[in-house]
Amino acid sequence: MTRPATRTRAPRPRSSTPLAEPLLASTPERLAAVAARDRAADGHFVFAVRTTGIYCKPSCPSRRPLPANVALYATPAAAERAGFRACRRCRPRVAALADPIVDAVAAACRTLDAAAERVPLASLARAAGYSDAHFHRAFVARTGMTPAAYARAALARNAQRAQAAVTLRYATTRTPLGVLAVAASARGIAAIALGDDAAATMRDLRRAWPRATFTRDEAGLAAVLAAVAASLDDPARALDLPLDIRGTAFQRRVWHALRALPPGMTTTYGALAASFAMPGAARAVASACAANVLAFAIPCHRVVAGDGTLAGYRWGVGRKRALLDRERAVVGAVSGTRGGGG
């Protein structure tokens, strides 16, 4: 008596934990790419077949499984962690490693990591050999962030690294606007702060340079401190001392424009953004003003809100009003003197 043939089932994939790896959503677009063997989808995800325990790239020439048996994963590694093995026919792991867009995105990340200022998307896309839109989508798909967001994070990291090993000498003095603190690096004046007392100004200096080492040097900075205090007393007197200005390219652009504003003149965040041909960047301008650590040397107090109100100021709105009042008084006195002598 012969025994009926038994059907052998492919082993079901095993997972080391119940939630070993989250699945990608089986969207109609992804399933359509699998059904059409779309090569453009290669590198974006892999699909696994539950009945065979094998995963493939979307363009694999093998017979298409039923959609109900398909599981999608972002990477080959994710599929393997879920217990699936790579297809020997389409070799999805090798294909993913050889995907040229992966190398292009990696190269762009290295460029952004090393950049000292903003790198335009067009430059990254051109270097990679793709259109701006295609490269933007590919970058987001592989890093989870836009090139602009990645660049901002890289610039912030670089700025922190630049501050890490800096030693700053500082000195303080009393002024009509509170305690004035000046910190200097080997490059020049790195921070100017105003506060109600010495402790407040030191907190502001450490907030501006969180990784720097501070050394008190009243004697060594006496002349510098006197010059800074004199420019505070007389806004018409330019502070002719080297400044250690550190920031992103956009921040430095804003700060350079502010230093070109004469005493007593104000502008708005929106007008400053429009002067850069960036009318939608008013908030970015406001952020650059807030990041300024050189009080009145970079006169961000001369920027007001669109309705004319003073808005915020790192060292207090009261001091912002006082600085503007002093400047207008000096400018008015100078104008009156010139008019009388004509």
C-alpha atoms as a PDB file:
ATOM      1  CA  MET A   1       0.000   0.000   0.000  1.00  0.00           C
ATOM      2  CA  THR A   2       1.484   3.252  -1.085  1.00  0.00           C
ATOM      3  CA  ARG A   3       1.255   6.258   1.103  1.00  0.00           C
ATOM      4  CA  PRO A   4      -0.171   9.417  -0.419  1.00  0.00           C
ATOM      5  CA  ALA A   5       2.448  11.960  -1.330  1.00  0.00           C
ATOM      6  CA  THR A   6       2.846  14.696   1.224  1.00  0.00           C
ATOM      7  CA  ARG A   7       3.325  18.297   0.256  1.00  0.00           C
ATOM      8  CA  THR A   8       6.366  19.959   1.682  1.00  0.00           C
ATOM      9  CA  ARG A   9       6.011  23.525   2.741  1.00  0.00           C
ATOM     10  CA  ALA A  10       8.771  26.073   2.620  1.00  0.00           C
ATOM     11  CA  PRO A  11      10.018  26.984   6.084  1.00  0.00           C
ATOM     12  CA  ARG A  12       8.387  30.078   7.452  1.00  0.00           C
ATOM     13  CA  PRO A  13      10.748  32.924   8.233  1.00  0.00           C
ATOM     14  CA  ARG A  14      11.668  33.257  11.857  1.00  0.00           C
ATOM     15  CA  SER A  15      12.217  36.431  13.785  1.00  0.00           C
ATOM     16  CA  SER A  16      14.434  36.796  16.833  1.00  0.00           C
ATOM     17  CA  THR A  17      11.815  38.977  18.518  1.00  0.00           C
ATOM     18  CA  PRO A  18       8.111  39.485  17.961  1.00  0.00           C
ATOM     19  CA  LEU A  19       8.837  42.980  16.632  1.00  0.00           C
ATOM     20  CA  ALA A  20      12.190  42.369  14.989  1.00  0.00           C
ATOM     21  CA  GLU A  21      11.767  45.002  12.291  1.00  0.00           C
ATOM     22  CA  PRO A  22       8.832  47.218  11.312  1.00  0.00           C
ATOM     23  CA  LEU A  23       7.327  46.571   7.889  1.00  0.00           C
ATOM     24  CA  LEU A  24       6.943  49.231   5.261  1.00  0.00           C
ATOM     25  CA  ALA A  25       3.366  50.033   4.386  1.00  0.00           C
ATOM     26  CA  SER A  26       2.154  48.023   1.375  1.00  0.00           C
ATOM     27  CA  THR A  27       1.008  51.045  -0.577  1.00  0.00           C
ATOM     28  CA  PRO A  28      -0.576  50.631  -4.033  1.00  0.00           C
ATOM     29  CA  GLU A  29       2.442  52.396  -5.530  1.00  0.00           C
ATOM     30  CA  ARG A  30       4.933  49.934  -4.015  1.00  0.00           C
ATOM     31  CA  LEU A  31       2.861  46.898  -4.910  1.00  0.00           C
ATOM     32  CA  ALA A  32       2.463  48.247  -8.436  1.00  0.00           C
ATOM     33  CA  ALA A  33       6.242  48.639  -8.700  1.00  0.00           C
ATOM     34  CA  VAL A  34       6.663  44.987  -7.683  1.00  0.00           C
ATOM     35  CA  ALA A  35       4.016  43.838 -10.161  1.00  0.00           C
ATOM     36  CA  ALA A  36       5.610  45.869 -12.978  1.00  0.00           C
ATOM     37  CA  ARG A  37       9.171  44.830 -12.071  1.00  0.00           C
ATOM     38  CA  ASP A  38      10.015  48.544 -11.977  1.00  0.00           C
ATOM     39  CA  ARG A  39      13.794  49.029 -11.933  1.00  0.00           C
ATOM     40  CA  ALA A  40      13.343  52.607 -10.696  1.00  0.00           C
ATOM     41  CA  ALA A  41      12.122  51.167  -7.394  1.00  0.00           C
ATOM     42  CA  ASP A  42      15.307  49.145  -6.856  1.00  0.00           C
ATOM     43  CA  GLY A  43      17.217  50.477  -3.883  1.00  0.00           C
ATOM     44  CA  HIS A  44      14.110  52.049  -2.335  1.00  0.00           C
ATOM     45  CA  PHE A  45      12.793  48.836  -0.763  1.00  0.00           C
ATOM     46  CA  VAL A  46      12.764  45.036  -1.094  1.00  0.00           C
ATOM     47  CA  PHE A  47       9.807  42.694  -1.059  1.00  0.00           C
ATOM     48  CA  ALA A  48       9.691  39.397   0.798  1.00  0.00           C
ATOM     49  CA  VAL A  49       7.449  36.420   0.034  1.00  0.00           C
ATOM     50  CA  ARG A  50       6.039  34.799   3.157  1.00  0.00           C
ATOM     51  CA  THR A  51       5.351  31.441   1.448  1.00  0.00           C
ATOM     52  CA  THR A  52       8.953  30.976   0.275  1.00  0.00           C
ATOM     53  CA  GLY A  53      10.950  32.838   2.927  1.00  0.00           C
ATOM     54  CA  ILE A  54      12.841  34.737   0.193  1.00  0.00           C
ATOM     55  CA  TYR A  55      13.178  38.465  -0.435  1.00  0.00           C
ATOM     56  CA  CYS A  56      13.860  40.166  -3.783  1.00  0.00           C
ATOM     57  CA  LYS A  57      14.364  43.562  -5.324  1.00  0.00           C
ATOM     58  CA  PRO A  58      11.296  45.006  -7.127  1.00  0.00           C
ATOM     59  CA  SER A  59      12.684  44.264 -10.598  1.00  0.00           C
ATOM     60  CA  CYS A  60      13.361  40.583  -9.894  1.00  0.00           C
ATOM     61  CA  PRO A  61      12.336  38.472 -12.965  1.00  0.00           C
ATOM     62  CA  SER A  62      10.862  35.692 -10.819  1.00  0.00           C
ATOM     63  CA  ARG A  63       7.135  34.896 -10.865  1.00  0.00           C
ATOM     64  CA  ARG A  64       5.031  37.495  -9.029  1.00  0.00           C
ATOM     65  CA  PRO A  65       3.569  36.352  -5.686  1.00  0.00           C
ATOM     66  CA  LEU A  66       0.071  37.080  -4.479  1.00  0.00           C
ATOM     67  CA  PRO A  67      -0.102  40.514  -2.836  1.00  0.00           C
ATOM     68  CA  ALA A  68      -1.377  38.905   0.355  1.00  0.00           C
ATOM     69  CA  ASN A  69       1.921  36.984   0.644  1.00  0.00           C
ATOM     70  CA  VAL A  70       4.144  40.052   0.182  1.00  0.00           C
ATOM     71  CA  ALA A  71       5.918  41.935   2.975  1.00  0.00           C
ATOM     72  CA  LEU A  72       7.930  45.077   2.227  1.00  0.00           C
ATOM     73  CA  TYR A  73      11.135  46.139   3.966  1.00  0.00           C
ATOM     74  CA  ALA A  74      13.233  49.289   3.604  1.00  0.00           C
ATOM     75  CA  THR A  75      16.558  47.446   3.264  1.00  0.00           C
ATOM     76  CA  PRO A  76      17.919  43.933   2.685  1.00  0.00           C
ATOM     77  CA  ALA A  77      19.262  43.960   6.241  1.00  0.00           C
ATOM     78  CA  ALA A  78      15.761  44.582   7.588  1.00  0.00           C
ATOM     79  CA  ALA A  79      14.368  41.641   5.612  1.00  0.00           C
ATOM     80  CA  GLU A  80      17.146  39.376   6.850  1.00  0.00           C
ATOM     81  CA  ARG A  81      16.573  40.400  10.447  1.00  0.00           C
ATOM     82  CA  ALA A  82      12.969  39.302   9.959  1.00  0.00           C
ATOM     83  CA  GLY A  83      14.197  35.847   8.896  1.00  0.00           C
ATOM     84  CA  PHE A  84      14.085  36.052   5.077  1.00  0.00           C
ATOM     85  CA  ARG A  85      16.982  35.049   2.827  1.00  0.00           C
ATOM     86  CA  ALA A  86      18.186  36.827  -0.315  1.00  0.00           C
ATOM     87  CA  CYS A  87      17.044  35.703  -3.752  1.00  0.00           C
ATOM     88  CA  ARG A  88      19.882  34.049  -5.667  1.00  0.00           C
ATOM     89  CA  ARG A  89      18.415  35.163  -8.956  1.00  0.00           C
ATOM     90  CA  CYS A  90      18.167  38.954  -8.521  1.00  0.00           C
ATOM     91  CA  ARG A  91      20.770  39.241  -5.707  1.00  0.00           C
ATOM     92  CA  PRO A  92      19.028  42.140  -3.933  1.00  0.00           C
ATOM     93  CA  ARG A  93      21.835  42.755  -1.456  1.00  0.00           C
ATOM     94  CA  VAL A  94      24.428  43.189  -4.188  1.00  0.00           C
ATOM     95  CA  ALA A  95      22.030  45.364  -6.172  1.00  0.00           C
ATOM     96  CA  ALA A  96      21.471  47.627  -3.204  1.00  0.00           C
ATOM     97  CA  LEU A  97      25.168  48.000  -2.586  1.00  0.00           C
ATOM     98  CA  ALA A  98      25.802  48.762  -6.247  1.00  0.00           C
ATOM     99  CA  ASP A  99      22.967  51.298  -6.618  1.00  0.00           C
ATOM    100  CA  PRO A 100      24.686  54.449  -7.927  1.00  0.00           C
ATOM    101  CA  ILE A 101      22.235  56.793  -6.204  1.00  0.00           C
ATOM    102  CA  VAL A 102      23.303  55.334  -2.851  1.00  0.00           C
ATOM    103  CA  ASP A 103      26.889  56.311  -3.576  1.00  0.00           C
ATOM    104  CA  ALA A 104      25.740  59.719  -4.798  1.00  0.00           C
ATOM    105  CA  VAL A 105      23.802  60.406  -1.590  1.00  0.00           C
ATOM    106  CA  ALA A 106      26.736  59.218   0.517  1.00  0.00           C
ATOM    107  CA  ALA A 107      29.063  61.556  -1.392  1.00  0.00           C
ATOM    108  CA  ALA A 108      26.634  64.437  -0.858  1.00  0.00           C
ATOM    109  CA  CYS A 109      26.546  63.729   2.873  1.00  0.00           C
ATOM    110  CA  ARG A 110      30.355  63.838   2.976  1.00  0.00           C
ATOM    111  CA  THR A 111      30.280  67.161   1.127  1.00  0.00           C
ATOM    112  CA  LEU A 112      27.769  68.636   3.560  1.00  0.00           C
ATOM    113  CA  ASP A 113      29.655  67.286   6.580  1.00  0.00           C
ATOM    114  CA  ALA A 114      32.832  69.067   5.449  1.00  0.00           C
ATOM    115  CA  ALA A 115      31.203  72.320   4.261  1.00  0.00           C
ATOM    116  CA  ALA A 116      31.769  75.572   6.125  1.00  0.00           C
ATOM    117  CA  GLU A 117      28.719  77.210   4.550  1.00  0.00           C
ATOM    118  CA  ARG A 118      25.494  76.350   2.755  1.00  0.00           C
ATOM    119  CA  VAL A 119      25.794  74.122  -0.328  1.00  0.00           C
ATOM    120  CA  PRO A 120      22.904  74.626  -2.807  1.00  0.00           C
ATOM    121  CA  LEU A 121      20.807  71.608  -3.775  1.00  0.00           C
ATOM    122  CA  ALA A 122      21.597  72.332  -7.437  1.00  0.00           C
ATOM    123  CA  SER A 123      25.324  71.878  -6.757  1.00  0.00           C
ATOM    124  CA  LEU A 124      24.770  68.544  -4.993  1.00  0.00           C
ATOM    125  CA  ALA A 125      22.463  67.278  -7.745  1.00  0.00           C
ATOM    126  CA  ARG A 126      24.817  68.408 -10.502  1.00  0.00           C
ATOM    127  CA  ALA A 127      27.775  66.640  -8.867  1.00  0.00           C
ATOM    128  CA  ALA A 128      25.672  63.468  -8.574  1.00  0.00           C
ATOM    129  CA  GLY A 129      24.456  63.668 -12.167  1.00  0.00           C
ATOM    130  CA  TYR A 130      20.727  63.885 -11.364  1.00  0.00           C
ATOM    131  CA  SER A 131      18.036  66.525 -11.619  1.00  0.00           C
ATOM    132  CA  ASP A 132      17.349  68.623  -8.520  1.00  0.00           C
ATOM    133  CA  ALA A 133      13.944  67.015  -7.924  1.00  0.00           C
ATOM    134  CA  HIS A 134      15.130  63.436  -8.415  1.00  0.00           C
ATOM    135  CA  PHE A 135      18.158  63.887  -6.187  1.00  0.00           C
ATOM    136  CA  HIS A 136      16.055  65.595  -3.488  1.00  0.00           C
ATOM    137  CA  ARG A 137      13.645  62.621  -3.419  1.00  0.00           C
ATOM    138  CA  ALA A 138      16.517  60.125  -3.353  1.00  0.00           C
ATOM    139  CA  PHE A 139      18.267  61.996  -0.527  1.00  0.00           C
ATOM    140  CA  VAL A 140      15.129  62.070   1.610  1.00  0.00           C
ATOM    141  CA  ALA A 141      14.408  58.392   0.922  1.00  0.00           C
ATOM    142  CA  ARG A 142      17.876  57.315   2.066  1.00  0.00           C
ATOM    143  CA  THR A 143      18.611  59.699   4.940  1.00  0.00           C
ATOM    144  CA  GLY A 144      15.149  60.537   6.264  1.00  0.00           C
ATOM    145  CA  MET A 145      15.822  64.278   5.985  1.00  0.00           C
ATOM    146  CA  THR A 146      16.017  66.896   3.269  1.00  0.00           C
ATOM    147  CA  PRO A 147      19.436  68.091   2.046  1.00  0.00           C
ATOM    148  CA  ALA A 148      18.736  71.493   3.635  1.00  0.00           C
ATOM    149  CA  ALA A 149      17.942  69.937   7.026  1.00  0.00           C
ATOM    150  CA  TYR A 150      21.024  67.709   6.827  1.00  0.00           C
ATOM    151  CA  ALA A 151      23.154  70.750   5.942  1.00  0.00           C
ATOM    152  CA  ARG A 152      21.820  72.749   8.904  1.00  0.00           C
ATOM    153  CA  ALA A 153      22.623  69.898  11.273  1.00  0.00           C
ATOM    154  CA  ALA A 154      26.115  69.508   9.791  1.00  0.00           C
ATOM    155  CA  LEU A 155      26.839  73.231  10.085  1.00  0.00           C
ATOM    156  CA  ALA A 156      25.683  73.191  13.710  1.00  0.00           C
ATOM    157  CA  ARG A 157      27.949  70.218  14.459  1.00  0.00           C
ATOM    158  CA  ASN A 158      30.893  71.935  12.786  1.00  0.00           C
ATOM    159  CA  ALA A 159      30.273  75.123  14.739  1.00  0.00           C
ATOM    160  CA  GLN A 160      30.249  73.180  18.001  1.00  0.00           C
ATOM    161  CA  ARG A 161      33.488  71.426  17.069  1.00  0.00           C
ATOM    162  CA  ALA A 162      35.079  74.774  16.237  1.00  0.00           C
ATOM    163  CA  GLN A 163      34.174  76.066  19.697  1.00  0.00           C
ATOM    164  CA  ALA A 164      35.243  72.959  21.558  1.00  0.00           C
ATOM    165  CA  ALA A 165      38.949  73.757  21.984  1.00  0.00           C
ATOM    166  CA  VAL A 166      38.697  77.571  22.251  1.00  0.00           C
ATOM    167  CA  THR A 167      40.031  79.428  25.272  1.00  0.00           C
ATOM    168  CA  LEU A 168      38.407  82.806  25.812  1.00  0.00           C
ATOM    169  CA  ARG A 169      39.708  85.605  28.014  1.00  0.00           C
ATOM    170  CA  TYR A 170      37.048  87.843  29.502  1.00  0.00           C
ATOM    171  CA  ALA A 171      36.618  91.026  31.529  1.00  0.00           C
ATOM    172  CA  THR A 172      33.647  92.981  32.888  1.00  0.00           C
ATOM    173  CA  THR A 173      32.726  96.554  33.786  1.00  0.00           C
ATOM    174  CA  ARG A 174      29.632  98.463  34.855  1.00  0.00           C
ATOM    175  CA  THR A 175      27.741 100.686  32.403  1.00  0.00           C
ATOM    176  CA  PRO A 176      24.417 102.599  32.448  1.00  0.00           C
ATOM    177  CA  LEU A 177      22.871  99.560  30.670  1.00  0.00           C
ATOM    178  CA  GLY A 178      24.121  97.040  33.224  1.00  0.00           C
ATOM    179  CA  VAL A 179      27.215  94.909  33.504  1.00  0.00           C
ATOM    180  CA  LEU A 180      29.169  94.705  30.247  1.00  0.00           C
ATOM    181  CA  ALA A 181      31.223  91.562  29.599  1.00  0.00           C
ATOM    182  CA  VAL A 182      33.674  91.120  26.744  1.00  0.00           C
ATOM    183  CA  ALA A 183      35.247  87.780  25.776  1.00  0.00           C
ATOM    184  CA  ALA A 184      38.104  87.501  23.292  1.00  0.00           C
ATOM    185  CA  SER A 185      39.793  84.671  21.431  1.00  0.00           C
ATOM    186  CA  ALA A 186      43.059  84.746  19.518  1.00  0.00           C
ATOM    187  CA  ARG A 187      41.066  85.985  16.496  1.00  0.00           C
ATOM    188  CA  GLY A 188      39.364  88.919  18.182  1.00  0.00           C
ATOM    189  CA  ILE A 189      36.288  89.788  20.237  1.00  0.00           C
ATOM    190  CA  ALA A 190      34.153  86.649  20.365  1.00  0.00           C
ATOM    191  CA  ALA A 191      31.263  87.802  22.546  1.00  0.00           C
ATOM    192  CA  ILE A 192      29.827  90.972  24.071  1.00  0.00           C
ATOM    193  CA  ALA A 193      27.114  90.568  26.692  1.00  0.00           C
ATOM    194  CA  LEU A 194      24.948  92.876  28.793  1.00  0.00           C
ATOM    195  CA  GLY A 195      23.254  91.765  32.005  1.00  0.00           C
ATOM    196  CA  ASP A 196      21.898  92.858  35.337  1.00  0.00           C
ATOM    197  CA  ASP A 197      24.958  91.538  37.165  1.00  0.00           C
ATOM    198  CA  ALA A 198      28.240  89.722  36.546  1.00  0.00           C
ATOM    199  CA  ALA A 199      26.645  86.307  37.051  1.00  0.00           C
ATOM    200  CA  ALA A 200      24.034  87.022  34.371  1.00  0.00           C
ATOM    201  CA  THR A 201      26.637  88.120  31.844  1.00  0.00           C
ATOM    202  CA  MET A 202      28.756  85.027  32.522  1.00  0.00           C
ATOM    203  CA  ARG A 203      25.741  82.806  31.958  1.00  0.00           C
ATOM    204  CA  ASP A 204      25.216  84.529  28.625  1.00  0.00           C
ATOM    205  CA  LEU A 205      28.867  84.098  27.641  1.00  0.00           C
ATOM    206  CA  ARG A 206      28.740  80.397  28.451  1.00  0.00           C
ATOM    207  CA  ARG A 207      25.480  80.036  26.532  1.00  0.00           C
ATOM    208  CA  ALA A 208      27.118  81.701  23.533  1.00  0.00           C
ATOM    209  CA  TRP A 209      30.236  79.509  23.760  1.00  0.00           C
ATOM    210  CA  PRO A 210      29.108  76.366  25.629  1.00  0.00           C
ATOM    211  CA  ARG A 211      32.316  74.379  25.032  1.00  0.00           C
ATOM    212  CA  ALA A 212      34.883  77.120  25.519  1.00  0.00           C
ATOM    213  CA  THR A 213      37.220  77.534  28.473  1.00  0.00           C
ATOM    214  CA  PHE A 214      36.926  80.974  30.103  1.00  0.00           C
ATOM    215  CA  THR A 215      39.828  82.748  31.813  1.00  0.00           C
ATOM    216  CA  ARG A 216      39.396  86.101  33.576  1.00  0.00           C
ATOM    217  CA  ASP A 217      41.891  88.705  32.296  1.00  0.00           C
ATOM    218  CA  GLU A 218      40.958  92.194  33.443  1.00  0.00           C
ATOM    219  CA  ALA A 219      44.454  93.619  32.897  1.00  0.00           C
ATOM    220  CA  GLY A 220      45.064  92.042  29.504  1.00  0.00           C
ATOM    221  CA  LEU A 221      41.678  93.160  28.156  1.00  0.00           C
ATOM    222  CA  ALA A 222      41.581  96.604  29.785  1.00  0.00           C
ATOM    223  CA  ALA A 223      42.089  98.506  26.521  1.00  0.00           C
ATOM    224  CA  VAL A 224      39.629  96.316  24.610  1.00  0.00           C
ATOM    225  CA  LEU A 225      36.996  96.631  27.336  1.00  0.00           C
ATOM    226  CA  ALA A 226      37.438 100.414  27.408  1.00  0.00           C
ATOM    227  CA  ALA A 227      36.996 100.652  23.625  1.00  0.00           C
ATOM    228  CA  VAL A 228      33.833  98.546  23.718  1.00  0.00           C
ATOM    229  CA  ALA A 229      32.405 100.590  26.576  1.00  0.00           C
ATOM    230  CA  ALA A 230      33.211 103.819  24.711  1.00  0.00           C
ATOM    231  CA  SER A 231      31.310 102.614  21.621  1.00  0.00           C
ATOM    232  CA  LEU A 232      28.351 101.875  23.882  1.00  0.00           C
ATOM    233  CA  ASP A 233      28.471 105.394  25.346  1.00  0.00           C
ATOM    234  CA  ASP A 234      28.915 107.022  21.925  1.00  0.00           C
ATOM    235  CA  PRO A 235      27.052 105.032  19.211  1.00  0.00           C
ATOM    236  CA  ALA A 236      28.537 107.278  16.517  1.00  0.00           C
ATOM    237  CA  ARG A 237      31.996 105.930  17.370  1.00  0.00           C
ATOM    238  CA  ALA A 238      32.737 102.813  15.321  1.00  0.00           C
ATOM    239  CA  LEU A 239      34.197  99.830  17.169  1.00  0.00           C
ATOM    240  CA  ASP A 240      37.459  99.478  15.266  1.00  0.00           C
ATOM    241  CA  LEU A 241      38.548  96.141  16.731  1.00  0.00           C
ATOM    242  CA  PRO A 242      38.768  92.659  15.154  1.00  0.00           C
ATOM    243  CA  LEU A 243      35.715  90.480  15.752  1.00  0.00           C
ATOM    244  CA  ASP A 244      35.702  86.674  15.907  1.00  0.00           C
ATOM    245  CA  ILE A 245      32.415  86.151  14.033  1.00  0.00           C
ATOM    246  CA  ARG A 246      31.314  82.538  13.695  1.00  0.00           C
ATOM    247  CA  GLY A 247      28.069  81.321  12.182  1.00  0.00           C
ATOM    248  CA  THR A 248      26.495  79.882   9.089  1.00  0.00           C
ATOM    249  CA  ALA A 249      26.814  81.627   5.741  1.00  0.00           C
ATOM    250  CA  PHE A 250      23.268  82.979   6.038  1.00  0.00           C
ATOM    251  CA  GLN A 251      23.845  84.239   9.587  1.00  0.00           C
ATOM    252  CA  ARG A 252      27.035  86.016   8.556  1.00  0.00           C
ATOM    253  CA  ARG A 253      25.169  87.572   5.618  1.00  0.00           C
ATOM    254  CA  VAL A 254      22.520  88.960   7.962  1.00  0.00           C
ATOM    255  CA  TRP A 255      25.100  90.223  10.432  1.00  0.00           C
ATOM    256  CA  HIS A 256      27.111  91.934   7.676  1.00  0.00           C
ATOM    257  CA  ALA A 257      23.954  93.738   6.530  1.00  0.00           C
ATOM    258  CA  LEU A 258      23.227  94.845  10.101  1.00  0.00           C
ATOM    259  CA  ARG A 259      26.693  96.325  10.510  1.00  0.00           C
ATOM    260  CA  ALA A 260      26.032  98.432   7.400  1.00  0.00           C
ATOM    261  CA  LEU A 261      23.000 100.079   9.058  1.00  0.00           C
ATOM    262  CA  PRO A 262      23.930 103.527  10.423  1.00  0.00           C
ATOM    263  CA  PRO A 263      23.159 104.385  14.062  1.00  0.00           C
ATOM    264  CA  GLY A 264      19.604 105.552  14.618  1.00  0.00           C
ATOM    265  CA  MET A 265      18.228 103.729  11.562  1.00  0.00           C
ATOM    266  CA  THR A 266      16.007 100.668  11.885  1.00  0.00           C
ATOM    267  CA  THR A 267      14.742  98.037   9.485  1.00  0.00           C
ATOM    268  CA  THR A 268      12.341  95.110   9.723  1.00  0.00           C
ATOM    269  CA  TYR A 269      12.968  91.383   9.517  1.00  0.00           C
ATOM    270  CA  GLY A 270      10.875  91.236   6.351  1.00  0.00           C
ATOM    271  CA  ALA A 271      12.679  94.164   4.681  1.00  0.00           C
ATOM    272  CA  LEU A 272      16.054  92.620   5.459  1.00  0.00           C
ATOM    273  CA  ALA A 273      14.938  89.291   3.984  1.00  0.00           C
ATOM    274  CA  ALA A 274      13.628  91.076   0.880  1.00  0.00           C
ATOM    275  CA  SER A 275      17.000  92.801   0.446  1.00  0.00           C
ATOM    276  CA  PHE A 276      18.497  89.321   0.017  1.00  0.00           C
ATOM    277  CA  ALA A 277      15.846  88.503  -2.630  1.00  0.00           C
ATOM    278  CA  MET A 278      14.399  86.070  -0.082  1.00  0.00           C
ATOM    279  CA  PRO A 279      11.032  87.623   0.864  1.00  0.00           C
ATOM    280  CA  GLY A 280       9.895  84.486   2.674  1.00  0.00           C
ATOM    281  CA  ALA A 281      12.928  84.350   4.978  1.00  0.00           C
ATOM    282  CA  ALA A 282      11.813  86.837   7.648  1.00  0.00           C
ATOM    283  CA  ARG A 283      11.813  84.127  10.330  1.00  0.00           C
ATOM    284  CA  ALA A 284      15.286  82.998   9.274  1.00  0.00           C
ATOM    285  CA  VAL A 285      16.480  86.591   9.619  1.00  0.00           C
ATOM    286  CA  ALA A 286      14.930  86.766  13.091  1.00  0.00           C
ATOM    287  CA  SER A 287      16.702  83.516  14.025  1.00  0.00           C
ATOM    288  CA  ALA A 288      20.022  84.925  12.805  1.00  0.00           C
ATOM    289  CA  CYS A 289      19.479  88.024  14.946  1.00  0.00           C
ATOM    290  CA  ALA A 290      18.706  85.832  17.952  1.00  0.00           C
ATOM    291  CA  ALA A 291      21.930  83.866  17.356  1.00  0.00           C
ATOM    292  CA  ASN A 292      24.085  87.014  17.462  1.00  0.00           C
ATOM    293  CA  VAL A 293      26.427  86.995  20.499  1.00  0.00           C
ATOM    294  CA  LEU A 294      28.100  90.380  19.896  1.00  0.00           C
ATOM    295  CA  ALA A 295      25.719  92.893  21.478  1.00  0.00           C
ATOM    296  CA  PHE A 296      25.612  96.267  19.647  1.00  0.00           C
ATOM    297  CA  ALA A 297      28.871  95.433  17.775  1.00  0.00           C
ATOM    298  CA  ILE A 298      26.528  93.557  15.430  1.00  0.00           C
ATOM    299  CA  PRO A 299      23.524  95.866  15.913  1.00  0.00           C
ATOM    300  CA  CYS A 300      20.602  93.465  15.785  1.00  0.00           C
ATOM    301  CA  HIS A 301      18.791  95.944  18.055  1.00  0.00           C
ATOM    302  CA  ARG A 302      18.187  97.968  14.864  1.00  0.00           C
ATOM    303  CA  VAL A 303      15.798  95.317  13.519  1.00  0.00           C
ATOM    304  CA  VAL A 304      12.151  95.659  14.563  1.00  0.00           C
ATOM    305  CA  ALA A 305       8.909  93.853  13.786  1.00  0.00           C
ATOM    306  CA  GLY A 306       6.845  94.694  10.733  1.00  0.00           C
ATOM    307  CA  ASP A 307       4.382  96.752  12.805  1.00  0.00           C
ATOM    308  CA  GLY A 308       7.207  98.799  14.323  1.00  0.00           C
ATOM    309  CA  THR A 309       7.239  97.117  17.736  1.00  0.00           C
ATOM    310  CA  LEU A 310      10.629  96.235  19.169  1.00  0.00           C
ATOM    311  CA  ALA A 311      10.006  92.452  19.280  1.00  0.00           C
ATOM    312  CA  GLY A 312      12.578  90.389  21.160  1.00  0.00           C
ATOM    313  CA  TYR A 313      16.196  91.025  22.055  1.00  0.00           C
ATOM    314  CA  ARG A 314      18.742  88.636  23.541  1.00  0.00           C
ATOM    315  CA  TRP A 315      19.737  91.133  26.229  1.00  0.00           C
ATOM    316  CA  GLY A 316      16.243  92.434  27.012  1.00  0.00           C
ATOM    317  CA  VAL A 317      13.747  94.647  25.186  1.00  0.00           C
ATOM    318  CA  GLY A 318      14.427  97.439  27.683  1.00  0.00           C
ATOM    319  CA  ARG A 319      18.069  97.551  26.628  1.00  0.00           C
ATOM    320  CA  LYS A 320      17.036  97.420  22.957  1.00  0.00           C
ATOM    321  CA  ARG A 321      14.871 100.517  23.482  1.00  0.00           C
ATOM    322  CA  ALA A 322      17.657 102.251  25.396  1.00  0.00           C
ATOM    323  CA  LEU A 323      20.207 101.540  22.658  1.00  0.00           C
ATOM    324  CA  LEU A 324      17.900 102.944  19.979  1.00  0.00           C
ATOM    325  CA  ASP A 325      17.076 106.021  22.076  1.00  0.00           C
ATOM    326  CA  ARG A 326      20.777 106.727  22.642  1.00  0.00           C
ATOM    327  CA  GLU A 327      21.508 106.349  18.938  1.00  0.00           C
ATOM    328  CA  ARG A 328      18.675 108.669  17.906  1.00  0.00           C
ATOM    329  CA  ALA A 329      19.786 111.252  20.469  1.00  0.00           C
ATOM    330  CA  VAL A 330      23.357 111.172  19.173  1.00  0.00           C
ATOM    331  CA  VAL A 331      22.261 111.291  15.525  1.00  0.00           C
ATOM    332  CA  GLY A 332      19.913 114.211  16.299  1.00  0.00           C
ATOM    333  CA  ALA A 333      22.657 116.100  18.114  1.00  0.00           C
ATOM    334  CA  VAL A 334      25.108 115.568  15.270  1.00  0.00           C
ATOM    335  CA  SER A 335      22.514 116.671  12.676  1.00  0.00           C
ATOM    336  CA  GLY A 336      21.726 119.784  14.694  1.00  0.00           C
ATOM    337  CA  THR A 337      25.384 120.671  15.000  1.00  0.00           C
ATOM    338  CA  ARG A 338      25.931 120.256  11.280  1.00  0.00           C
ATOM    339  CA  GLY A 339      22.852 122.323  10.482  1.00  0.00           C
ATOM    340  CA  GLY A 340      23.915 125.151  12.786  1.00  0.00           C
ATOM    341  CA  GLY A 341      27.385 125.299  11.283  1.00  0.00           C
ATOM    342  CA  GLY A 342      26.065 125.547   7.690  1.00  0.00           C
END
